[in-house]
PDB file of all heavy atoms in Angstrom:
ATOM      1  N   ARG A   1     130.432  21.809  79.088  1.00  0.00           N
ATOM      2  CA  ARG A   1     129.863  22.576  80.195  1.00  0.00           C
ATOM      3  C   ARG A   1     128.851  21.740  80.940  1.00  0.00           C
ATOM      4  O   ARG A   1     127.916  21.218  80.370  1.00  0.00           O
ATOM      5  CB  ARG A   1     129.191  23.851  79.625  1.00  0.00           C
ATOM      6  CG  ARG A   1     128.438  24.740  80.612  1.00  0.00           C
ATOM      7  CD  ARG A   1     127.959  26.052  79.933  1.00  0.00           C
ATOM      8  NE  ARG A   1     127.204  25.745  78.695  1.00  0.00           N
ATOM      9  CZ  ARG A   1     125.879  25.534  78.742  1.00  0.00           C
ATOM     10  NH1 ARG A   1     125.181  25.673  79.861  1.00  0.00           N
ATOM     11  NH2 ARG A   1     125.261  25.352  77.618  1.00  0.00           N
ATOM     12  N   VAL A   2     129.060  21.618  82.245  1.00  0.00           N
ATOM     13  CA  VAL A   2     128.100  20.912  83.099  1.00  0.00           C
ATOM     14  C   VAL A   2     126.809  21.752  83.180  1.00  0.00           C
ATOM     15  O   VAL A   2     126.893  22.848  83.653  1.00  0.00           O
ATOM     16  CB  VAL A   2     128.682  20.583  84.465  1.00  0.00           C
ATOM     17  CG1 VAL A   2     127.656  19.925  85.380  1.00  0.00           C
ATOM     18  CG2 VAL A   2     129.901  19.703  84.358  1.00  0.00           C
ATOM     19  N   VAL A   3     125.685  21.134  82.782  1.00  0.00           N
ATOM     20  CA  VAL A   3     124.429  21.830  82.811  1.00  0.00           C
ATOM     21  C   VAL A   3     123.505  21.280  83.847  1.00  0.00           C
ATOM     22  O   VAL A   3     122.465  21.879  84.150  1.00  0.00           O
ATOM     23  CB  VAL A   3     123.715  21.852  81.472  1.00  0.00           C
ATOM     24  CG1 VAL A   3     124.611  22.591  80.406  1.00  0.00           C
ATOM     25  CG2 VAL A   3     123.456  20.411  80.981  1.00  0.00           C
ATOM     26  N   GLY A   4     123.887  20.215  84.509  1.00  0.00           N
ATOM     27  CA  GLY A   4     122.999  19.666  85.575  1.00  0.00           C
ATOM     28  C   GLY A   4     123.776  18.548  86.339  1.00  0.00           C
ATOM     29  O   GLY A   4     124.509  17.774  85.786  1.00  0.00           O
ATOM     30  N   VAL A   5     123.550  18.576  87.661  1.00  0.00           N
ATOM     31  CA  VAL A   5     124.087  17.452  88.494  1.00  0.00           C
ATOM     32  C   VAL A   5     122.878  16.984  89.320  1.00  0.00           C
ATOM     33  O   VAL A   5     122.324  17.769  90.097  1.00  0.00           O
ATOM     34  CB  VAL A   5     125.240  17.977  89.371  1.00  0.00           C
ATOM     35  CG1 VAL A   5     125.651  16.831  90.345  1.00  0.00           C
ATOM     36  CG2 VAL A   5     126.402  18.445  88.552  1.00  0.00           C
ATOM     37  N   MET A   6     122.591  15.756  89.212  1.00  0.00           N
ATOM     38  CA  MET A   6     121.461  15.133  89.945  1.00  0.00           C
ATOM     39  C   MET A   6     122.075  14.191  90.909  1.00  0.00           C
ATOM     40  O   MET A   6     122.643  13.163  90.546  1.00  0.00           O
ATOM     41  CB  MET A   6     120.508  14.386  89.042  1.00  0.00           C
ATOM     42  CG  MET A   6     119.383  13.638  89.734  1.00  0.00           C
ATOM     43  SD  MET A   6     118.389  12.604  88.607  1.00  0.00           S
ATOM     44  CE  MET A   6     117.429  13.923  87.790  1.00  0.00           C
ATOM     45  N   CYS A   7     121.938  14.474  92.265  1.00  0.00           N
ATOM     46  CA  CYS A   7     122.476  13.670  93.315  1.00  0.00           C
ATOM     47  C   CYS A   7     121.373  12.764  93.783  1.00  0.00           C
ATOM     48  O   CYS A   7     120.211  13.196  94.072  1.00  0.00           O
ATOM     49  CB  CYS A   7     123.029  14.524  94.469  1.00  0.00           C
ATOM     50  SG  CYS A   7     124.472  15.474  94.046  1.00  0.00           S
ATOM     51  N   LEU A   8     121.737  11.442  93.954  1.00  0.00           N
ATOM     52  CA  LEU A   8     120.761  10.479  94.391  1.00  0.00           C
ATOM     53  C   LEU A   8     121.099  10.076  95.862  1.00  0.00           C
ATOM     54  O   LEU A   8     122.195   9.714  96.244  1.00  0.00           O
ATOM     55  CB  LEU A   8     120.889   9.127  93.525  1.00  0.00           C
ATOM     56  CG  LEU A   8     120.201   9.187  92.177  1.00  0.00           C
ATOM     57  CD1 LEU A   8     120.698  10.253  91.262  1.00  0.00           C
ATOM     58  CD2 LEU A   8     120.403   7.761  91.488  1.00  0.00           C
ATOM     59  N   GLU A   9     120.078  10.183  96.689  1.00  0.00           N
ATOM     60  CA  GLU A   9     120.192   9.757  98.084  1.00  0.00           C
ATOM     61  C   GLU A   9     119.699   8.352  98.180  1.00  0.00           C
ATOM     62  O   GLU A   9     118.506   8.033  97.991  1.00  0.00           O
ATOM     63  CB  GLU A   9     119.427  10.678  99.041  1.00  0.00           C
ATOM     64  CG  GLU A   9     119.576  10.299 100.469  1.00  0.00           C
ATOM     65  CD  GLU A   9     118.725  11.155 101.427  1.00  0.00           C
ATOM     66  OE1 GLU A   9     118.289  12.215 100.959  1.00  0.00           O
ATOM     67  OE2 GLU A   9     118.544  10.742 102.565  1.00  0.00           O
ATOM     68  N   VAL A  10     120.591   7.386  98.517  1.00  0.00           N
ATOM     69  CA  VAL A  10     120.261   5.947  98.523  1.00  0.00           C
ATOM     70  C   VAL A  10     120.126   5.438  99.967  1.00  0.00           C
ATOM     71  O   VAL A  10     121.009   5.726 100.793  1.00  0.00           O
ATOM     72  CB  VAL A  10     121.328   5.147  97.720  1.00  0.00           C
ATOM     73  CG1 VAL A  10     121.002   3.701  97.752  1.00  0.00           C
ATOM     74  CG2 VAL A  10     121.473   5.708  96.325  1.00  0.00           C
ATOM     75  N   THR A  11     119.063   4.766 100.218  1.00  0.00           N
ATOM     76  CA  THR A  11     118.848   4.113 101.520  1.00  0.00           C
ATOM     77  C   THR A  11     118.711   2.630 101.309  1.00  0.00           C
ATOM     78  O   THR A  11     118.739   2.146 100.141  1.00  0.00           O
ATOM     79  CB  THR A  11     117.591   4.692 102.229  1.00  0.00           C
ATOM     80  OG1 THR A  11     116.397   4.181 101.482  1.00  0.00           O
ATOM     81  CG2 THR A  11     117.568   6.145 102.164  1.00  0.00           C
ATOM     82  N   GLY A  12     118.567   1.891 102.402  1.00  0.00           N
ATOM     83  CA  GLY A  12     118.388   0.447 102.284  1.00  0.00           C
ATOM     84  C   GLY A  12     117.092   0.071 101.583  1.00  0.00           C
ATOM     85  O   GLY A  12     116.936  -1.065 101.072  1.00  0.00           O
ATOM     86  N   GLU A  13     116.090   0.970 101.544  1.00  0.00           N
ATOM     87  CA  GLU A  13     114.817   0.687 100.943  1.00  0.00           C
ATOM     88  C   GLU A  13     114.732   1.148  99.519  1.00  0.00           C
ATOM     89  O   GLU A  13     113.785   0.806  98.802  1.00  0.00           O
ATOM     90  CB  GLU A  13     113.730   1.401 101.709  1.00  0.00           C
ATOM     91  CG  GLU A  13     113.409   0.837 103.120  1.00  0.00           C
ATOM     92  CD  GLU A  13     114.515   1.153 104.074  1.00  0.00           C
ATOM     93  OE1 GLU A  13     114.934   2.361 104.086  1.00  0.00           O
ATOM     94  OE2 GLU A  13     114.999   0.236 104.781  1.00  0.00           O
ATOM     95  N   GLY A  14     115.712   1.927  99.021  1.00  0.00           N
ATOM     96  CA  GLY A  14     115.715   2.370  97.633  1.00  0.00           C
ATOM     97  C   GLY A  14     116.180   3.814  97.564  1.00  0.00           C
ATOM     98  O   GLY A  14     116.757   4.361  98.535  1.00  0.00           O
ATOM     99  N   ILE A  15     115.949   4.416  96.430  1.00  0.00           N
ATOM    100  CA  ILE A  15     116.350   5.845  96.291  1.00  0.00           C
ATOM    101  C   ILE A  15     115.341   6.737  96.927  1.00  0.00           C
ATOM    102  O   ILE A  15     114.158   6.695  96.530  1.00  0.00           O
ATOM    103  CB  ILE A  15     116.539   6.196  94.766  1.00  0.00           C
ATOM    104  CG1 ILE A  15     117.536   5.274  94.085  1.00  0.00           C
ATOM    105  CG2 ILE A  15     116.988   7.625  94.570  1.00  0.00           C
ATOM    106  CD1 ILE A  15     117.602   5.406  92.556  1.00  0.00           C
ATOM    107  N   ALA A  16     115.735   7.535  97.872  1.00  0.00           N
ATOM    108  CA  ALA A  16     114.868   8.317  98.712  1.00  0.00           C
ATOM    109  C   ALA A  16     114.737   9.779  98.217  1.00  0.00           C
ATOM    110  O   ALA A  16     113.750  10.418  98.531  1.00  0.00           O
ATOM    111  CB  ALA A  16     115.300   8.308 100.134  1.00  0.00           C
ATOM    112  N   ALA A  17     115.719  10.228  97.519  1.00  0.00           N
ATOM    113  CA  ALA A  17     115.679  11.634  97.104  1.00  0.00           C
ATOM    114  C   ALA A  17     116.555  11.888  95.793  1.00  0.00           C
ATOM    115  O   ALA A  17     117.622  11.250  95.678  1.00  0.00           O
ATOM    116  CB  ALA A  17     116.110  12.540  98.182  1.00  0.00           C
ATOM    117  N   PHE A  18     116.076  12.803  95.027  1.00  0.00           N
ATOM    118  CA  PHE A  18     116.816  13.308  93.895  1.00  0.00           C
ATOM    119  C   PHE A  18     116.949  14.780  94.105  1.00  0.00           C
ATOM    120  O   PHE A  18     115.918  15.510  94.253  1.00  0.00           O
ATOM    121  CB  PHE A  18     116.076  13.066  92.540  1.00  0.00           C
ATOM    122  CG  PHE A  18     115.883  11.579  92.229  1.00  0.00           C
ATOM    123  CD1 PHE A  18     114.758  10.933  92.708  1.00  0.00           C
ATOM    124  CD2 PHE A  18     116.756  10.887  91.470  1.00  0.00           C
ATOM    125  CE1 PHE A  18     114.586   9.597  92.462  1.00  0.00           C
ATOM    126  CE2 PHE A  18     116.558   9.559  91.193  1.00  0.00           C
ATOM    127  CZ  PHE A  18     115.500   8.865  91.679  1.00  0.00           C
ATOM    128  N   ARG A  19     118.160  15.327  94.155  1.00  0.00           N
ATOM    129  CA  ARG A  19     118.407  16.723  94.308  1.00  0.00           C
ATOM    130  C   ARG A  19     119.125  17.168  93.061  1.00  0.00           C
ATOM    131  O   ARG A  19     120.261  16.812  92.798  1.00  0.00           O
ATOM    132  CB  ARG A  19     119.192  16.979  95.617  1.00  0.00           C
ATOM    133  CG  ARG A  19     118.383  16.589  96.876  1.00  0.00           C
ATOM    134  CD  ARG A  19     119.124  16.912  98.138  1.00  0.00           C
ATOM    135  NE  ARG A  19     118.330  16.587  99.353  1.00  0.00           N
ATOM    136  CZ  ARG A  19     118.276  15.436  99.927  1.00  0.00           C
ATOM    137  NH1 ARG A  19     119.075  14.440  99.446  1.00  0.00           N
ATOM    138  NH2 ARG A  19     117.469  15.200 100.911  1.00  0.00           N
ATOM    139  N   ASN A  20     118.457  18.047  92.310  1.00  0.00           N
ATOM    140  CA  ASN A  20     118.896  18.398  90.981  1.00  0.00           C
ATOM    141  C   ASN A  20     119.420  19.834  90.886  1.00  0.00           C
ATOM    142  O   ASN A  20     118.598  20.757  91.079  1.00  0.00           O
ATOM    143  CB  ASN A  20     117.745  18.199  89.963  1.00  0.00           C
ATOM    144  CG  ASN A  20     116.978  16.906  90.181  1.00  0.00           C
ATOM    145  OD1 ASN A  20     117.565  15.845  90.318  1.00  0.00           O
ATOM    146  ND2 ASN A  20     115.658  17.012  90.171  1.00  0.00           N
ATOM    147  N   GLN A  21     120.656  19.975  90.682  1.00  0.00           N
ATOM    148  CA  GLN A  21     121.245  21.325  90.588  1.00  0.00           C
ATOM    149  C   GLN A  21     121.410  21.749  89.141  1.00  0.00           C
ATOM    150  O   GLN A  21     122.170  21.121  88.427  1.00  0.00           O
ATOM    151  CB  GLN A  21     122.627  21.408  91.307  1.00  0.00           C
ATOM    152  CG  GLN A  21     123.188  22.755  91.359  1.00  0.00           C
ATOM    153  CD  GLN A  21     122.329  23.795  91.986  1.00  0.00           C
ATOM    154  OE1 GLN A  21     121.665  24.526  91.328  1.00  0.00           O
ATOM    155  NE2 GLN A  21     122.277  23.807  93.342  1.00  0.00           N
ATOM    156  N   VAL A  22     120.617  22.685  88.720  1.00  0.00           N
ATOM    157  CA  VAL A  22     120.752  23.182  87.351  1.00  0.00           C
ATOM    158  C   VAL A  22     120.980  24.667  87.204  1.00  0.00           C
ATOM    159  O   VAL A  22     121.052  25.238  86.147  1.00  0.00           O
ATOM    160  CB  VAL A  22     119.448  22.827  86.522  1.00  0.00           C
ATOM    161  CG1 VAL A  22     119.347  21.319  86.326  1.00  0.00           C
ATOM    162  CG2 VAL A  22     118.155  23.352  87.244  1.00  0.00           C
ATOM    163  N   ASN A  23     121.118  25.352  88.387  1.00  0.00           N
ATOM    164  CA  ASN A  23     121.498  26.728  88.353  1.00  0.00           C
ATOM    165  C   ASN A  23     122.905  26.923  87.851  1.00  0.00           C
ATOM    166  O   ASN A  23     123.873  26.414  88.463  1.00  0.00           O
ATOM    167  CB  ASN A  23     121.385  27.284  89.808  1.00  0.00           C
ATOM    168  CG  ASN A  23     121.698  28.766  89.859  1.00  0.00           C
ATOM    169  OD1 ASN A  23     122.228  29.393  88.949  1.00  0.00           O
ATOM    170  ND2 ASN A  23     121.375  29.380  91.014  1.00  0.00           N
ATOM    171  N   PRO A  24     123.093  27.583  86.686  1.00  0.00           N
ATOM    172  CA  PRO A  24     124.461  27.650  86.086  1.00  0.00           C
ATOM    173  C   PRO A  24     125.457  28.290  86.986  1.00  0.00           C
ATOM    174  O   PRO A  24     126.661  27.987  86.876  1.00  0.00           O
ATOM    175  CB  PRO A  24     124.242  28.454  84.815  1.00  0.00           C
ATOM    176  CG  PRO A  24     122.927  29.138  84.969  1.00  0.00           C
ATOM    177  CD  PRO A  24     122.106  28.236  85.856  1.00  0.00           C
ATOM    178  N   ASP A  25     125.062  29.188  87.884  1.00  0.00           N
ATOM    179  CA  ASP A  25     125.987  29.841  88.791  1.00  0.00           C
ATOM    180  C   ASP A  25     126.609  28.883  89.765  1.00  0.00           C
ATOM    181  O   ASP A  25     127.704  29.128  90.283  1.00  0.00           O
ATOM    182  CB  ASP A  25     125.232  30.968  89.589  1.00  0.00           C
ATOM    183  CG  ASP A  25     124.858  32.116  88.745  1.00  0.00           C
ATOM    184  OD1 ASP A  25     125.297  32.192  87.561  1.00  0.00           O
ATOM    185  OD2 ASP A  25     123.999  32.906  89.149  1.00  0.00           O
ATOM    186  N   LYS A  26     125.957  27.691  89.996  1.00  0.00           N
ATOM    187  CA  LYS A  26     126.443  26.780  90.958  1.00  0.00           C
ATOM    188  C   LYS A  26     127.066  25.547  90.326  1.00  0.00           C
ATOM    189  O   LYS A  26     127.304  24.535  90.975  1.00  0.00           O
ATOM    190  CB  LYS A  26     125.294  26.325  91.893  1.00  0.00           C
ATOM    191  CG  LYS A  26     124.637  27.410  92.689  1.00  0.00           C
ATOM    192  CD  LYS A  26     123.587  26.814  93.661  1.00  0.00           C
ATOM    193  CE  LYS A  26     122.911  27.939  94.471  1.00  0.00           C
ATOM    194  NZ  LYS A  26     121.928  27.385  95.409  1.00  0.00           N
ATOM    195  N   LEU A  27     127.357  25.653  89.004  1.00  0.00           N
ATOM    196  CA  LEU A  27     127.883  24.533  88.259  1.00  0.00           C
ATOM    197  C   LEU A  27     129.244  24.883  87.616  1.00  0.00           C
ATOM    198  O   LEU A  27     129.852  24.044  86.930  1.00  0.00           O
ATOM    199  CB  LEU A  27     126.976  24.057  87.220  1.00  0.00           C
ATOM    200  CG  LEU A  27     125.617  23.439  87.713  1.00  0.00           C
ATOM    201  CD1 LEU A  27     124.652  23.158  86.598  1.00  0.00           C
ATOM    202  CD2 LEU A  27     125.885  22.144  88.504  1.00  0.00           C
ATOM    203  N   GLU A  28     129.737  26.092  87.924  1.00  0.00           N
ATOM    204  CA  GLU A  28     131.032  26.500  87.284  1.00  0.00           C
ATOM    205  C   GLU A  28     132.177  25.640  87.781  1.00  0.00           C
ATOM    206  O   GLU A  28     133.036  25.192  87.007  1.00  0.00           O
ATOM    207  CB  GLU A  28     131.254  27.976  87.579  1.00  0.00           C
ATOM    208  CG  GLU A  28     130.292  28.936  86.895  1.00  0.00           C
ATOM    209  CD  GLU A  28     130.558  30.350  87.250  1.00  0.00           C
ATOM    210  OE1 GLU A  28     131.538  30.631  87.965  1.00  0.00           O
ATOM    211  OE2 GLU A  28     129.815  31.237  86.733  1.00  0.00           O
ATOM    212  N   ARG A  29     132.223  25.367  89.108  1.00  0.00           N
ATOM    213  CA  ARG A  29     133.309  24.536  89.642  1.00  0.00           C
ATOM    214  C   ARG A  29     133.187  23.132  89.175  1.00  0.00           C
ATOM    215  O   ARG A  29     134.207  22.463  88.883  1.00  0.00           O
ATOM    216  CB  ARG A  29     133.347  24.574  91.146  1.00  0.00           C
ATOM    217  CG  ARG A  29     134.610  23.995  91.792  1.00  0.00           C
ATOM    218  CD  ARG A  29     134.585  24.115  93.292  1.00  0.00           C
ATOM    219  NE  ARG A  29     135.766  23.515  93.874  1.00  0.00           N
ATOM    220  CZ  ARG A  29     136.862  24.145  94.227  1.00  0.00           C
ATOM    221  NH1 ARG A  29     136.991  25.408  94.030  1.00  0.00           N
ATOM    222  NH2 ARG A  29     137.859  23.450  94.763  1.00  0.00           N
ATOM    223  N   ALA A  30     131.983  22.598  89.039  1.00  0.00           N
ATOM    224  CA  ALA A  30     131.758  21.244  88.523  1.00  0.00           C
ATOM    225  C   ALA A  30     132.318  21.186  87.074  1.00  0.00           C
ATOM    226  O   ALA A  30     132.885  20.172  86.640  1.00  0.00           O
ATOM    227  CB  ALA A  30     130.277  20.865  88.545  1.00  0.00           C
ATOM    228  N   THR A  31     132.099  22.217  86.311  1.00  0.00           N
ATOM    229  CA  THR A  31     132.536  22.242  84.901  1.00  0.00           C
ATOM    230  C   THR A  31     134.117  22.193  84.879  1.00  0.00           C
ATOM    231  O   THR A  31     134.699  21.450  84.125  1.00  0.00           O
ATOM    232  CB  THR A  31     132.039  23.481  84.208  1.00  0.00           C
ATOM    233  OG1 THR A  31     130.680  23.455  84.113  1.00  0.00           O
ATOM    234  CG2 THR A  31     132.692  23.630  82.818  1.00  0.00           C
ATOM    235  N   GLU A  32     134.709  22.954  85.783  1.00  0.00           N
ATOM    236  CA  GLU A  32     136.151  22.918  85.903  1.00  0.00           C
ATOM    237  C   GLU A  32     136.690  21.551  86.310  1.00  0.00           C
ATOM    238  O   GLU A  32     137.672  21.077  85.710  1.00  0.00           O
ATOM    239  CB  GLU A  32     136.676  23.988  86.922  1.00  0.00           C
ATOM    240  CG  GLU A  32     136.386  25.404  86.510  1.00  0.00           C
ATOM    241  CD  GLU A  32     136.727  26.383  87.669  1.00  0.00           C
ATOM    242  OE1 GLU A  32     137.233  25.915  88.657  1.00  0.00           O
ATOM    243  OE2 GLU A  32     136.522  27.608  87.478  1.00  0.00           O
ATOM    244  N   ARG A  33     136.026  20.962  87.251  1.00  0.00           N
ATOM    245  CA  ARG A  33     136.452  19.582  87.654  1.00  0.00           C
ATOM    246  C   ARG A  33     136.262  18.598  86.583  1.00  0.00           C
ATOM    247  O   ARG A  33     137.041  17.680  86.349  1.00  0.00           O
ATOM    248  CB  ARG A  33     135.650  19.196  88.959  1.00  0.00           C
ATOM    249  CG  ARG A  33     136.001  17.845  89.427  1.00  0.00           C
ATOM    250  CD  ARG A  33     137.373  17.712  89.926  1.00  0.00           C
ATOM    251  NE  ARG A  33     137.829  16.351  89.990  1.00  0.00           N
ATOM    252  CZ  ARG A  33     139.096  15.898  90.022  1.00  0.00           C
ATOM    253  NH1 ARG A  33     140.065  16.776  89.839  1.00  0.00           N
ATOM    254  NH2 ARG A  33     139.390  14.631  90.152  1.00  0.00           N
ATOM    255  N   PHE A  34     135.137  18.642  85.851  1.00  0.00           N
ATOM    256  CA  PHE A  34     134.832  17.755  84.744  1.00  0.00           C
ATOM    257  C   PHE A  34     135.930  17.881  83.639  1.00  0.00           C
ATOM    258  O   PHE A  34     136.438  16.850  83.183  1.00  0.00           O
ATOM    259  CB  PHE A  34     133.465  18.105  84.117  1.00  0.00           C
ATOM    260  CG  PHE A  34     133.125  17.206  82.981  1.00  0.00           C
ATOM    261  CD1 PHE A  34     132.531  16.024  83.107  1.00  0.00           C
ATOM    262  CD2 PHE A  34     133.352  17.659  81.686  1.00  0.00           C
ATOM    263  CE1 PHE A  34     132.211  15.241  82.052  1.00  0.00           C
ATOM    264  CE2 PHE A  34     133.050  16.920  80.581  1.00  0.00           C
ATOM    265  CZ  PHE A  34     132.466  15.687  80.751  1.00  0.00           C
ATOM    266  N   ALA A  35     136.342  19.068  83.380  1.00  0.00           N
ATOM    267  CA  ALA A  35     137.353  19.223  82.323  1.00  0.00           C
ATOM    268  C   ALA A  35     138.689  18.674  82.760  1.00  0.00           C
ATOM    269  O   ALA A  35     139.478  18.174  81.896  1.00  0.00           O
ATOM    270  CB  ALA A  35     137.488  20.778  82.028  1.00  0.00           C
ATOM    271  N   ALA A  36     138.976  18.650  84.069  1.00  0.00           N
ATOM    272  CA  ALA A  36     140.284  18.202  84.543  1.00  0.00           C
ATOM    273  C   ALA A  36     140.298  16.729  84.799  1.00  0.00           C
ATOM    274  O   ALA A  36     141.386  16.126  84.976  1.00  0.00           O
ATOM    275  CB  ALA A  36     140.619  18.959  85.844  1.00  0.00           C
ATOM    276  N   ALA A  37     139.146  16.065  84.872  1.00  0.00           N
ATOM    277  CA  ALA A  37     139.094  14.656  85.223  1.00  0.00           C
ATOM    278  C   ALA A  37     139.010  13.750  84.002  1.00  0.00           C
ATOM    279  O   ALA A  37     138.699  14.190  82.922  1.00  0.00           O
ATOM    280  CB  ALA A  37     137.764  14.461  86.028  1.00  0.00           C
ATOM    281  N   ASP A  38     139.343  12.504  84.222  1.00  0.00           N
ATOM    282  CA  ASP A  38     139.217  11.458  83.199  1.00  0.00           C
ATOM    283  C   ASP A  38     137.795  10.986  83.278  1.00  0.00           C
ATOM    284  O   ASP A  38     137.489  10.087  84.057  1.00  0.00           O
ATOM    285  CB  ASP A  38     140.208  10.361  83.423  1.00  0.00           C
ATOM    286  CG  ASP A  38     140.048   9.230  82.408  1.00  0.00           C
ATOM    287  OD1 ASP A  38     139.305   9.394  81.391  1.00  0.00           O
ATOM    288  OD2 ASP A  38     140.590   8.136  82.628  1.00  0.00           O
ATOM    289  N   HIS A  39     136.873  11.600  82.494  1.00  0.00           N
ATOM    290  CA  HIS A  39     135.465  11.277  82.625  1.00  0.00           C
ATOM    291  C   HIS A  39     134.934  10.163  81.727  1.00  0.00           C
ATOM    292  O   HIS A  39     133.809   9.773  81.833  1.00  0.00           O
ATOM    293  CB  HIS A  39     134.598  12.607  82.398  1.00  0.00           C
ATOM    294  CG  HIS A  39     135.055  13.359  81.200  1.00  0.00           C
ATOM    295  ND1 HIS A  39     134.870  12.912  79.875  1.00  0.00           N
ATOM    296  CD2 HIS A  39     135.746  14.536  81.129  1.00  0.00           C
ATOM    297  CE1 HIS A  39     135.403  13.827  79.070  1.00  0.00           C
ATOM    298  NE2 HIS A  39     135.894  14.823  79.807  1.00  0.00           N
TER     299      HIS A  39
END
């Protein structure tokens, strides 16, 4: 079960932002995709 997805926003100067999705309601599709993928 996917419990967190942290997206990194990368710029020429470095990592500018971390956006962390941990709301379980918004991770159900990610869990389905994870199960179907060669991870």
